[in-house]
């Protein structure tokens, strides 16, 4: 009698564990089902995925570029190794785009470059 009760308890615990394990939601992403008679070009899908990834990377890179339409007050014009502006620790290079002068942020250069003001 004691073994039968113990066996029922173990079965109940196993049943609860199985039900709990099955009820956990799992996401696998998008699944596309096609008929085998439909034409499918795996290389075209691969190429499209690569183009979309390149586009996302280009957007990320573009978000990192700082472009200004006008410089902040107090920028110092510099001439070497090319014309650029020093603006309180940030550096901008002039760029002509559609008959407008824009300023693109560049990496810091060596501090020995002479300015136009000297």
Protein backbone atom coordinates (compact mmCIF):
# COMPACT_ATOMS: atom_id res chain seq x y z
CA UNK A 1 0.00 0.00 0.00
CA UNK A 2 2.83 2.38 0.89
CA UNK A 3 4.61 1.62 -2.43
CA UNK A 4 1.42 2.32 -4.41
CA UNK A 5 1.00 5.72 -2.72
CA UNK A 6 4.66 6.57 -3.32
CA UNK A 7 4.35 5.52 -6.96
CA UNK A 8 1.31 7.81 -7.45
CA UNK A 9 3.21 10.75 -5.93
CA UNK A 10 6.14 10.22 -8.30
CA UNK A 11 3.78 9.99 -11.30
CA UNK A 12 2.04 13.20 -10.25
CA UNK A 13 5.37 15.03 -9.92
CA UNK A 14 6.46 13.79 -13.38
CA UNK A 15 3.14 14.85 -14.91
CA UNK A 16 3.45 18.36 -13.46
CA UNK A 17 7.05 18.64 -14.70
CA UNK A 18 6.06 17.57 -18.23
CA UNK A 19 3.12 20.00 -18.37
CA UNK A 20 5.29 22.86 -17.04
CA UNK A 21 8.00 22.12 -19.59
CA UNK A 22 5.55 22.04 -22.50
CA UNK A 23 3.81 25.29 -21.56
CA UNK A 24 6.98 27.45 -21.74
CA UNK A 25 6.80 29.65 -24.88
CA UNK A 26 9.71 29.33 -27.27
CA UNK A 27 10.40 31.64 -30.22
CA UNK A 28 12.31 30.40 -33.25
CA UNK A 29 11.87 33.30 -35.65
CA UNK A 30 10.03 33.35 -38.95
CA UNK A 31 9.34 30.01 -40.59
CA UNK A 32 8.43 29.87 -44.28
CA UNK A 33 6.81 26.74 -45.68
CA UNK A 34 6.88 26.18 -49.43
CA UNK A 35 5.61 23.47 -51.69
CA UNK A 36 8.33 21.41 -53.29
CA UNK A 37 6.77 22.20 -56.69
CA UNK A 38 7.35 25.98 -56.22
CA UNK A 39 10.65 27.31 -57.56
CA UNK A 40 13.05 28.48 -54.87
CA UNK A 41 16.40 30.22 -55.30
CA UNK A 42 18.39 29.88 -52.10
CA UNK A 43 21.17 32.06 -53.51
CA UNK A 44 18.76 34.94 -54.15
CA UNK A 45 17.53 34.71 -50.55
CA UNK A 46 21.12 34.68 -49.31
CA UNK A 47 21.98 37.72 -51.44
CA UNK A 48 18.93 39.61 -50.18
CA UNK A 49 19.82 38.87 -46.56
CA UNK A 50 23.37 40.10 -47.19
CA UNK A 51 22.09 43.32 -48.83
CA UNK A 52 19.76 43.97 -45.87
CA UNK A 53 22.64 43.40 -43.44
CA UNK A 54 24.89 45.78 -45.40
CA UNK A 55 22.11 48.38 -45.34
CA UNK A 56 21.74 48.07 -41.55
CA UNK A 57 25.52 48.44 -41.15
CA UNK A 58 25.54 51.52 -43.41
CA UNK A 59 22.79 53.08 -41.29
CA UNK A 60 24.77 52.40 -38.11
CA UNK A 61 27.87 53.98 -39.67
CA UNK A 62 25.88 57.00 -40.84
CA UNK A 63 24.49 57.55 -37.35
CA UNK A 64 28.06 57.83 -36.07
CA UNK A 65 28.94 60.64 -38.51
CA UNK A 66 28.38 64.12 -37.10
CA UNK A 67 27.52 66.64 -39.84
CA UNK A 68 26.89 70.32 -39.08
CA UNK A 69 25.41 73.05 -41.28
CA UNK A 70 27.21 75.75 -39.29
CA UNK A 71 30.11 75.70 -36.87
CA UNK A 72 29.72 76.53 -33.18
CA UNK A 73 30.98 79.90 -31.92
CA UNK A 74 34.67 80.05 -31.07
CA UNK A 75 36.05 77.61 -33.65
CA UNK A 76 39.65 78.15 -34.67
CA UNK A 77 40.55 77.66 -38.37
CA UNK A 78 43.56 75.37 -38.94
CA UNK A 79 45.56 74.89 -42.17
CA UNK A 80 47.79 71.83 -41.77
CA UNK A 81 47.76 69.11 -42.97
CA UNK A 82 44.57 70.45 -44.62
CA UNK A 83 41.97 73.11 -43.83
CA UNK A 84 39.82 72.23 -40.83
CA UNK A 85 38.38 73.83 -37.71
CA UNK A 86 39.12 73.17 -34.04
CA UNK A 87 36.00 73.68 -31.92
CA UNK A 88 36.63 73.05 -28.23
CA UNK A 89 38.06 69.56 -28.57
CA UNK A 90 36.05 68.61 -31.67
CA UNK A 91 37.44 68.96 -35.17
CA UNK A 92 35.44 69.65 -38.33
CA UNK A 93 36.43 69.66 -41.98
CA UNK A 94 34.51 71.74 -44.56
CA UNK A 95 32.69 69.82 -47.28
CA UNK A 96 30.79 71.17 -50.30
CA UNK A 97 27.42 69.50 -50.90
CA UNK A 98 24.73 70.85 -53.26
CA UNK A 99 26.30 74.34 -53.26
CA UNK A 100 26.32 74.44 -49.46
CA UNK A 101 29.24 74.21 -47.10
CA UNK A 102 28.77 71.48 -44.47
CA UNK A 103 31.17 70.48 -41.72
CA UNK A 104 31.97 66.84 -41.05
CA UNK A 105 33.48 65.83 -37.71
CA UNK A 106 36.93 64.27 -38.06
CA UNK A 107 39.29 62.52 -35.68
CA UNK A 108 41.64 64.72 -33.61
CA UNK A 109 44.91 65.71 -35.30
CA UNK A 110 48.25 66.52 -33.69
CA UNK A 111 48.18 69.75 -31.70
CA UNK A 112 51.28 71.18 -33.40
CA UNK A 113 49.38 72.26 -36.52
CA UNK A 114 49.48 76.05 -36.90
CA UNK A 115 46.23 77.95 -37.02
CA UNK A 116 45.30 80.71 -39.46
CA UNK A 117 45.14 83.16 -36.54
CA UNK A 118 48.88 82.97 -35.76
